Amino acid sequence: PLAVLGFAIAGYHNLLYYGFISEALTPCTQGV
């Protein structure tokens, strides 16, 4: 379960990082 959840967040992070997902859908509102 930990590996699956970590993989899902890492996948989402990569989609966001490479611009496939809008930055409006990010939890990173403060800080980096």
PDB file of all heavy atoms in Angstrom:
ATOM      1  N   PRO A   1       0.813  -1.229   0.000  1.00  0.00           N
ATOM      2  CA  PRO A   1       0.000   0.000   0.000  1.00  0.00           C
ATOM      3  C   PRO A   1       0.845   1.277   0.000  1.00  0.00           C
ATOM      4  O   PRO A   1       0.507   2.249  -0.685  1.00  0.00           O
ATOM      5  CB  PRO A   1      -0.823  -0.099   1.293  1.00  0.00           C
ATOM      6  CG  PRO A   1      -0.795  -1.530   1.665  1.00  0.00           C
ATOM      7  CD  PRO A   1       0.488  -2.090   1.128  1.00  0.00           C
ATOM      8  N   LEU A   2       1.944   1.271   0.738  1.00  0.00           N
ATOM      9  CA  LEU A   2       2.809   2.445   0.768  1.00  0.00           C
ATOM     10  C   LEU A   2       3.451   2.688  -0.584  1.00  0.00           C
ATOM     11  O   LEU A   2       3.539   3.831  -1.052  1.00  0.00           O
ATOM     12  CB  LEU A   2       3.895   2.279   1.837  1.00  0.00           C
ATOM     13  CG  LEU A   2       3.420   2.274   3.283  1.00  0.00           C
ATOM     14  CD1 LEU A   2       4.555   1.886   4.211  1.00  0.00           C
ATOM     15  CD2 LEU A   2       2.849   3.617   3.667  1.00  0.00           C
ATOM     16  N   ALA A   3       3.901   1.622  -1.239  1.00  0.00           N
ATOM     17  CA  ALA A   3       4.535   1.758  -2.547  1.00  0.00           C
ATOM     18  C   ALA A   3       3.534   2.231  -3.600  1.00  0.00           C
ATOM     19  O   ALA A   3       3.872   3.054  -4.453  1.00  0.00           O
ATOM     20  CB  ALA A   3       5.171   0.435  -2.961  1.00  0.00           C
ATOM     21  N   VAL A   4       2.308   1.732  -3.553  1.00  0.00           N
ATOM     22  CA  VAL A   4       1.285   2.145  -4.528  1.00  0.00           C
ATOM     23  C   VAL A   4       0.944   3.624  -4.354  1.00  0.00           C
ATOM     24  O   VAL A   4       0.869   4.380  -5.331  1.00  0.00           O
ATOM     25  CB  VAL A   4       0.022   1.266  -4.401  1.00  0.00           C
ATOM     26  CG1 VAL A   4      -1.150   1.860  -5.162  1.00  0.00           C
ATOM     27  CG2 VAL A   4       0.308  -0.142  -4.900  1.00  0.00           C
ATOM     28  N   LEU A   5       0.748   4.052  -3.120  1.00  0.00           N
ATOM     29  CA  LEU A   5       0.427   5.465  -2.873  1.00  0.00           C
ATOM     30  C   LEU A   5       1.602   6.374  -3.232  1.00  0.00           C
ATOM     31  O   LEU A   5       1.409   7.446  -3.803  1.00  0.00           O
ATOM     32  CB  LEU A   5      -0.001   5.666  -1.424  1.00  0.00           C
ATOM     33  CG  LEU A   5      -1.349   5.035  -1.080  1.00  0.00           C
ATOM     34  CD1 LEU A   5      -1.587   5.052   0.421  1.00  0.00           C
ATOM     35  CD2 LEU A   5      -2.476   5.727  -1.818  1.00  0.00           C
ATOM     36  N   GLY A   6       2.812   5.953  -2.894  1.00  0.00           N
ATOM     37  CA  GLY A   6       3.996   6.733  -3.279  1.00  0.00           C
ATOM     38  C   GLY A   6       4.134   6.829  -4.782  1.00  0.00           C
ATOM     39  O   GLY A   6       4.466   7.895  -5.323  1.00  0.00           O
ATOM     40  N   PHE A   7       3.872   5.726  -5.481  1.00  0.00           N
ATOM     41  CA  PHE A   7       3.927   5.712  -6.946  1.00  0.00           C
ATOM     42  C   PHE A   7       2.879   6.663  -7.534  1.00  0.00           C
ATOM     43  O   PHE A   7       3.166   7.401  -8.486  1.00  0.00           O
ATOM     44  CB  PHE A   7       3.702   4.288  -7.455  1.00  0.00           C
ATOM     45  CG  PHE A   7       3.581   4.189  -8.940  1.00  0.00           C
ATOM     46  CD1 PHE A   7       4.713   4.202  -9.743  1.00  0.00           C
ATOM     47  CD2 PHE A   7       2.342   4.092  -9.548  1.00  0.00           C
ATOM     48  CE1 PHE A   7       4.608   4.114 -11.119  1.00  0.00           C
ATOM     49  CE2 PHE A   7       2.220   4.001 -10.920  1.00  0.00           C
ATOM     50  CZ  PHE A   7       3.354   4.014 -11.707  1.00  0.00           C
ATOM     51  N   ALA A   8       1.676   6.663  -6.972  1.00  0.00           N
ATOM     52  CA  ALA A   8       0.613   7.534  -7.485  1.00  0.00           C
ATOM     53  C   ALA A   8       0.986   9.006  -7.319  1.00  0.00           C
ATOM     54  O   ALA A   8       0.794   9.812  -8.242  1.00  0.00           O
ATOM     55  CB  ALA A   8      -0.701   7.232  -6.768  1.00  0.00           C
ATOM     56  N   ILE A   9       1.521   9.363  -6.177  1.00  0.00           N
ATOM     57  CA  ILE A   9       1.918  10.755  -5.948  1.00  0.00           C
ATOM     58  C   ILE A   9       3.098  11.123  -6.838  1.00  0.00           C
ATOM     59  O   ILE A   9       3.148  12.216  -7.412  1.00  0.00           O
ATOM     60  CB  ILE A   9       2.236  10.991  -4.462  1.00  0.00           C
ATOM     61  CG1 ILE A   9       0.961  10.844  -3.636  1.00  0.00           C
ATOM     62  CG2 ILE A   9       2.846  12.371  -4.240  1.00  0.00           C
ATOM     63  CD1 ILE A   9       1.170  10.834  -2.152  1.00  0.00           C
ATOM     64  N   ALA A  10       4.048  10.210  -6.994  1.00  0.00           N
ATOM     65  CA  ALA A  10       5.205  10.470  -7.871  1.00  0.00           C
ATOM     66  C   ALA A  10       4.749  10.624  -9.322  1.00  0.00           C
ATOM     67  O   ALA A  10       5.259  11.477 -10.057  1.00  0.00           O
ATOM     68  CB  ALA A  10       6.227   9.351  -7.746  1.00  0.00           C
ATOM     69  N   GLY A  11       3.797   9.817  -9.748  1.00  0.00           N
ATOM     70  CA  GLY A  11       3.266   9.946 -11.110  1.00  0.00           C
ATOM     71  C   GLY A  11       2.583  11.280 -11.318  1.00  0.00           C
ATOM     72  O   GLY A  11       2.796  11.953 -12.341  1.00  0.00           O
ATOM     73  N   TYR A  12       1.751  11.681 -10.341  1.00  0.00           N
ATOM     74  CA  TYR A  12       1.087  12.981 -10.407  1.00  0.00           C
ATOM     75  C   TYR A  12       2.110  14.110 -10.441  1.00  0.00           C
ATOM     76  O   TYR A  12       1.984  15.061 -11.215  1.00  0.00           O
ATOM     77  CB  TYR A  12       0.144  13.138  -9.210  1.00  0.00           C
ATOM     78  CG  TYR A  12      -0.544  14.468  -9.152  1.00  0.00           C
ATOM     79  CD1 TYR A  12      -1.635  14.743  -9.965  1.00  0.00           C
ATOM     80  CD2 TYR A  12      -0.095  15.472  -8.291  1.00  0.00           C
ATOM     81  CE1 TYR A  12      -2.270  15.971  -9.921  1.00  0.00           C
ATOM     82  CE2 TYR A  12      -0.719  16.692  -8.240  1.00  0.00           C
ATOM     83  CZ  TYR A  12      -1.810  16.946  -9.054  1.00  0.00           C
ATOM     84  OH  TYR A  12      -2.422  18.160  -9.010  1.00  0.00           O
ATOM     85  N   HIS A  13       3.152  13.984  -9.621  1.00  0.00           N
ATOM     86  CA  HIS A  13       4.188  15.007  -9.558  1.00  0.00           C
ATOM     87  C   HIS A  13       4.902  15.145 -10.905  1.00  0.00           C
ATOM     88  O   HIS A  13       5.186  16.251 -11.365  1.00  0.00           O
ATOM     89  CB  HIS A  13       5.186  14.662  -8.455  1.00  0.00           C
ATOM     90  CG  HIS A  13       6.099  15.785  -8.092  1.00  0.00           C
ATOM     91  ND1 HIS A  13       7.065  15.650  -7.143  1.00  0.00           N
ATOM     92  CD2 HIS A  13       6.215  17.058  -8.536  1.00  0.00           C
ATOM     93  CE1 HIS A  13       7.738  16.789  -7.023  1.00  0.00           C
ATOM     94  NE2 HIS A  13       7.237  17.655  -7.872  1.00  0.00           N
ATOM     95  N   ASN A  14       5.193  14.027 -11.556  1.00  0.00           N
ATOM     96  CA  ASN A  14       5.839  14.072 -12.869  1.00  0.00           C
ATOM     97  C   ASN A  14       4.935  14.699 -13.917  1.00  0.00           C
ATOM     98  O   ASN A  14       5.395  15.476 -14.752  1.00  0.00           O
ATOM     99  CB  ASN A  14       6.278  12.671 -13.301  1.00  0.00           C
ATOM    100  CG  ASN A  14       7.622  12.312 -12.738  1.00  0.00           C
ATOM    101  OD1 ASN A  14       8.643  12.674 -13.297  1.00  0.00           O
ATOM    102  ND2 ASN A  14       7.633  11.629 -11.610  1.00  0.00           N
ATOM    103  N   LEU A  15       3.648  14.357 -13.904  1.00  0.00           N
ATOM    104  CA  LEU A  15       2.710  14.964 -14.852  1.00  0.00           C
ATOM    105  C   LEU A  15       2.642  16.477 -14.648  1.00  0.00           C
ATOM    106  O   LEU A  15       2.591  17.241 -15.611  1.00  0.00           O
ATOM    107  CB  LEU A  15       1.323  14.346 -14.696  1.00  0.00           C
ATOM    108  CG  LEU A  15       1.189  12.894 -15.151  1.00  0.00           C
ATOM    109  CD1 LEU A  15      -0.188  12.355 -14.774  1.00  0.00           C
ATOM    110  CD2 LEU A  15       1.438  12.771 -16.642  1.00  0.00           C
ATOM    111  N   LEU A  16       2.675  16.901 -13.411  1.00  0.00           N
ATOM    112  CA  LEU A  16       2.663  18.329 -13.094  1.00  0.00           C
ATOM    113  C   LEU A  16       3.979  18.982 -13.506  1.00  0.00           C
ATOM    114  O   LEU A  16       3.991  20.054 -14.122  1.00  0.00           O
ATOM    115  CB  LEU A  16       2.424  18.520 -11.598  1.00  0.00           C
ATOM    116  CG  LEU A  16       2.374  19.936 -11.075  1.00  0.00           C
ATOM    117  CD1 LEU A  16       1.120  20.619 -11.603  1.00  0.00           C
ATOM    118  CD2 LEU A  16       2.365  19.928  -9.569  1.00  0.00           C
ATOM    119  N   TYR A  17       5.086  18.323 -13.202  1.00  0.00           N
ATOM    120  CA  TYR A  17       6.418  18.866 -13.484  1.00  0.00           C
ATOM    121  C   TYR A  17       6.632  19.076 -14.979  1.00  0.00           C
ATOM    122  O   TYR A  17       7.197  20.074 -15.398  1.00  0.00           O
ATOM    123  CB  TYR A  17       7.474  17.914 -12.920  1.00  0.00           C
ATOM    124  CG  TYR A  17       8.890  18.411 -13.050  1.00  0.00           C
ATOM    125  CD1 TYR A  17       9.447  19.226 -12.070  1.00  0.00           C
ATOM    126  CD2 TYR A  17       9.681  18.070 -14.134  1.00  0.00           C
ATOM    127  CE1 TYR A  17      10.745  19.681 -12.165  1.00  0.00           C
ATOM    128  CE2 TYR A  17      10.978  18.520 -14.248  1.00  0.00           C
ATOM    129  CZ  TYR A  17      11.504  19.325 -13.260  1.00  0.00           C
ATOM    130  OH  TYR A  17      12.783  19.779 -13.366  1.00  0.00           O
ATOM    131  N   TYR A  18       6.192  18.126 -15.780  1.00  0.00           N
ATOM    132  CA  TYR A  18       6.400  18.204 -17.227  1.00  0.00           C
ATOM    133  C   TYR A  18       5.266  18.920 -17.959  1.00  0.00           C
ATOM    134  O   TYR A  18       5.249  18.950 -19.184  1.00  0.00           O
ATOM    135  CB  TYR A  18       6.630  16.810 -17.816  1.00  0.00           C
ATOM    136  CG  TYR A  18       7.961  16.244 -17.383  1.00  0.00           C
ATOM    137  CD1 TYR A  18       8.035  15.205 -16.466  1.00  0.00           C
ATOM    138  CD2 TYR A  18       9.153  16.774 -17.862  1.00  0.00           C
ATOM    139  CE1 TYR A  18       9.257  14.702 -16.050  1.00  0.00           C
ATOM    140  CE2 TYR A  18      10.373  16.282 -17.453  1.00  0.00           C
ATOM    141  CZ  TYR A  18      10.417  15.252 -16.554  1.00  0.00           C
ATOM    142  OH  TYR A  18      11.633  14.766 -16.139  1.00  0.00           O
ATOM    143  N   GLY A  19       4.318  19.513 -17.231  1.00  0.00           N
ATOM    144  CA  GLY A  19       3.301  20.361 -17.825  1.00  0.00           C
ATOM    145  C   GLY A  19       2.083  19.660 -18.385  1.00  0.00           C
ATOM    146  O   GLY A  19       1.285  20.278 -19.086  1.00  0.00           O
ATOM    147  N   PHE A  20       1.901  18.370 -18.079  1.00  0.00           N
ATOM    148  CA  PHE A  20       0.712  17.672 -18.549  1.00  0.00           C
ATOM    149  C   PHE A  20      -0.513  18.005 -17.709  1.00  0.00           C
ATOM    150  O   PHE A  20      -1.638  17.803 -18.140  1.00  0.00           O
ATOM    151  CB  PHE A  20       0.939  16.155 -18.550  1.00  0.00           C
ATOM    152  CG  PHE A  20       1.958  15.721 -19.560  1.00  0.00           C
ATOM    153  CD1 PHE A  20       3.221  15.324 -19.167  1.00  0.00           C
ATOM    154  CD2 PHE A  20       1.653  15.707 -20.908  1.00  0.00           C
ATOM    155  CE1 PHE A  20       4.167  14.923 -20.091  1.00  0.00           C
ATOM    156  CE2 PHE A  20       2.591  15.311 -21.852  1.00  0.00           C
ATOM    157  CZ  PHE A  20       3.847  14.920 -21.432  1.00  0.00           C
ATOM    158  N   ILE A  21      -0.276  18.479 -16.498  1.00  0.00           N
ATOM    159  CA  ILE A  21      -1.344  18.919 -15.593  1.00  0.00           C
ATOM    160  C   ILE A  21      -1.104  20.384 -15.277  1.00  0.00           C
ATOM    161  O   ILE A  21       0.031  20.806 -15.051  1.00  0.00           O
ATOM    162  CB  ILE A  21      -1.344  18.088 -14.292  1.00  0.00           C
ATOM    163  CG1 ILE A  21      -1.670  16.629 -14.592  1.00  0.00           C
ATOM    164  CG2 ILE A  21      -2.336  18.654 -13.289  1.00  0.00           C
ATOM    165  CD1 ILE A  21      -1.602  15.732 -13.372  1.00  0.00           C
ATOM    166  N   SER A  22      -2.170  21.152 -15.235  1.00  0.00           N
ATOM    167  CA  SER A  22      -2.078  22.582 -14.949  1.00  0.00           C
ATOM    168  C   SER A  22      -1.579  22.814 -13.526  1.00  0.00           C
ATOM    169  O   SER A  22      -1.915  22.070 -12.602  1.00  0.00           O
ATOM    170  CB  SER A  22      -3.443  23.235 -15.133  1.00  0.00           C
ATOM    171  OG  SER A  22      -3.435  24.540 -14.620  1.00  0.00           O
ATOM    172  N   GLU A  23      -0.795  23.868 -13.344  1.00  0.00           N
ATOM    173  CA  GLU A  23      -0.321  24.214 -12.002  1.00  0.00           C
ATOM    174  C   GLU A  23      -1.453  24.660 -11.091  1.00  0.00           C
ATOM    175  O   GLU A  23      -1.285  24.741  -9.881  1.00  0.00           O
ATOM    176  CB  GLU A  23       0.756  25.297 -12.079  1.00  0.00           C
ATOM    177  CG  GLU A  23       2.094  24.759 -12.493  1.00  0.00           C
ATOM    178  CD  GLU A  23       3.230  25.687 -12.122  1.00  0.00           C
ATOM    179  OE1 GLU A  23       3.350  26.044 -10.932  1.00  0.00           O
ATOM    180  OE2 GLU A  23       3.987  26.039 -13.024  1.00  0.00           O
ATOM    181  N   ALA A  24      -2.621  24.933 -11.658  1.00  0.00           N
ATOM    182  CA  ALA A  24      -3.780  25.290 -10.843  1.00  0.00           C
ATOM    183  C   ALA A  24      -4.246  24.093 -10.014  1.00  0.00           C
ATOM    184  O   ALA A  24      -4.922  24.260  -9.002  1.00  0.00           O
ATOM    185  CB  ALA A  24      -4.912  25.791 -11.727  1.00  0.00           C
ATOM    186  N   LEU A  25      -3.884  22.875 -10.422  1.00  0.00           N
ATOM    187  CA  LEU A  25      -4.294  21.662  -9.716  1.00  0.00           C
ATOM    188  C   LEU A  25      -3.203  21.135  -8.793  1.00  0.00           C
ATOM    189  O   LEU A  25      -3.113  19.948  -8.547  1.00  0.00           O
ATOM    190  CB  LEU A  25      -4.655  20.565 -10.735  1.00  0.00           C
ATOM    191  CG  LEU A  25      -5.804  20.874 -11.668  1.00  0.00           C
ATOM    192  CD1 LEU A  25      -5.939  19.796 -12.721  1.00  0.00           C
ATOM    193  CD2 LEU A  25      -7.093  21.014 -10.880  1.00  0.00           C
ATOM    194  N   THR A  26      -2.382  22.005  -8.279  1.00  0.00           N
ATOM    195  CA  THR A  26      -1.259  21.589  -7.446  1.00  0.00           C
ATOM    196  C   THR A  26      -1.487  21.961  -5.982  1.00  0.00           C
ATOM    197  O   THR A  26      -2.073  22.990  -5.682  1.00  0.00           O
ATOM    198  CB  THR A  26       0.051  22.219  -7.951  1.00  0.00           C
ATOM    199  OG1 THR A  26       1.110  21.797  -7.098  1.00  0.00           O
ATOM    200  CG2 THR A  26       0.005  23.718  -7.955  1.00  0.00           C
ATOM    201  N   PRO A  27      -1.010  21.112  -5.068  1.00  0.00           N
ATOM    202  CA  PRO A  27      -1.098  21.452  -3.651  1.00  0.00           C
ATOM    203  C   PRO A  27       0.011  22.402  -3.218  1.00  0.00           C
ATOM    204  O   PRO A  27       0.061  22.807  -2.073  1.00  0.00           O
ATOM    205  CB  PRO A  27      -0.947  20.091  -2.960  1.00  0.00           C
ATOM    206  CG  PRO A  27      -0.112  19.296  -3.889  1.00  0.00           C
ATOM    207  CD  PRO A  27      -0.502  19.761  -5.269  1.00  0.00           C
ATOM    208  N   CYS A  28       0.910  22.737  -4.129  1.00  0.00           N
ATOM    209  CA  CYS A  28       2.067  23.572  -3.794  1.00  0.00           C
ATOM    210  C   CYS A  28       1.692  25.050  -3.888  1.00  0.00           C
ATOM    211  O   CYS A  28       2.111  25.747  -4.812  1.00  0.00           O
ATOM    212  CB  CYS A  28       3.232  23.245  -4.724  1.00  0.00           C
ATOM    213  SG  CYS A  28       3.691  21.512  -4.707  1.00  0.00           S
ATOM    214  N   THR A  29       0.909  25.520  -2.945  1.00  0.00           N
ATOM    215  CA  THR A  29       0.496  26.921  -2.971  1.00  0.00           C
ATOM    216  C   THR A  29       1.432  27.804  -2.161  1.00  0.00           C
ATOM    217  O   THR A  29       1.478  29.001  -2.379  1.00  0.00           O
ATOM    218  CB  THR A  29      -0.935  27.067  -2.424  1.00  0.00           C
ATOM    219  OG1 THR A  29      -0.988  26.497  -1.110  1.00  0.00           O
ATOM    220  CG2 THR A  29      -1.931  26.358  -3.324  1.00  0.00           C
ATOM    221  N   GLN A  30       2.162  27.227  -1.229  1.00  0.00           N
ATOM    222  CA  GLN A  30       3.115  27.991  -0.430  1.00  0.00           C
ATOM    223  C   GLN A  30       4.484  27.338  -0.545  1.00  0.00           C
ATOM    224  O   GLN A  30       4.602  26.138  -0.715  1.00  0.00           O
ATOM    225  CB  GLN A  30       2.698  28.014   1.039  1.00  0.00           C
ATOM    226  CG  GLN A  30       1.397  28.748   1.281  1.00  0.00           C
ATOM    227  CD  GLN A  30       1.020  28.689   2.753  1.00  0.00           C
ATOM    228  OE1 GLN A  30       1.566  27.929   3.516  1.00  0.00           O
ATOM    229  NE2 GLN A  30       0.063  29.511   3.128  1.00  0.00           N
ATOM    230  N   GLY A  31       5.504  28.128  -0.442  1.00  0.00           N
ATOM    231  CA  GLY A  31       6.857  27.592  -0.505  1.00  0.00           C
ATOM    232  C   GLY A  31       7.287  27.298  -1.924  1.00  0.00           C
ATOM    233  O   GLY A  31       6.925  27.999  -2.866  1.00  0.00           O
ATOM    234  N   VAL A  32       8.030  26.218  -2.090  1.00  0.00           N
ATOM    235  CA  VAL A  32       8.602  25.843  -3.377  1.00  0.00           C
ATOM    236  C   VAL A  32       7.512  25.308  -4.302  1.00  0.00           C
ATOM    237  O   VAL A  32       6.666  24.522  -3.892  1.00  0.00           O
ATOM    238  CB  VAL A  32       9.683  24.766  -3.181  1.00  0.00           C
ATOM    239  CG1 VAL A  32      10.285  24.343  -4.500  1.00  0.00           C
ATOM    240  CG2 VAL A  32      10.756  25.267  -2.252  1.00  0.00           C
TER     241      VAL A  32
END
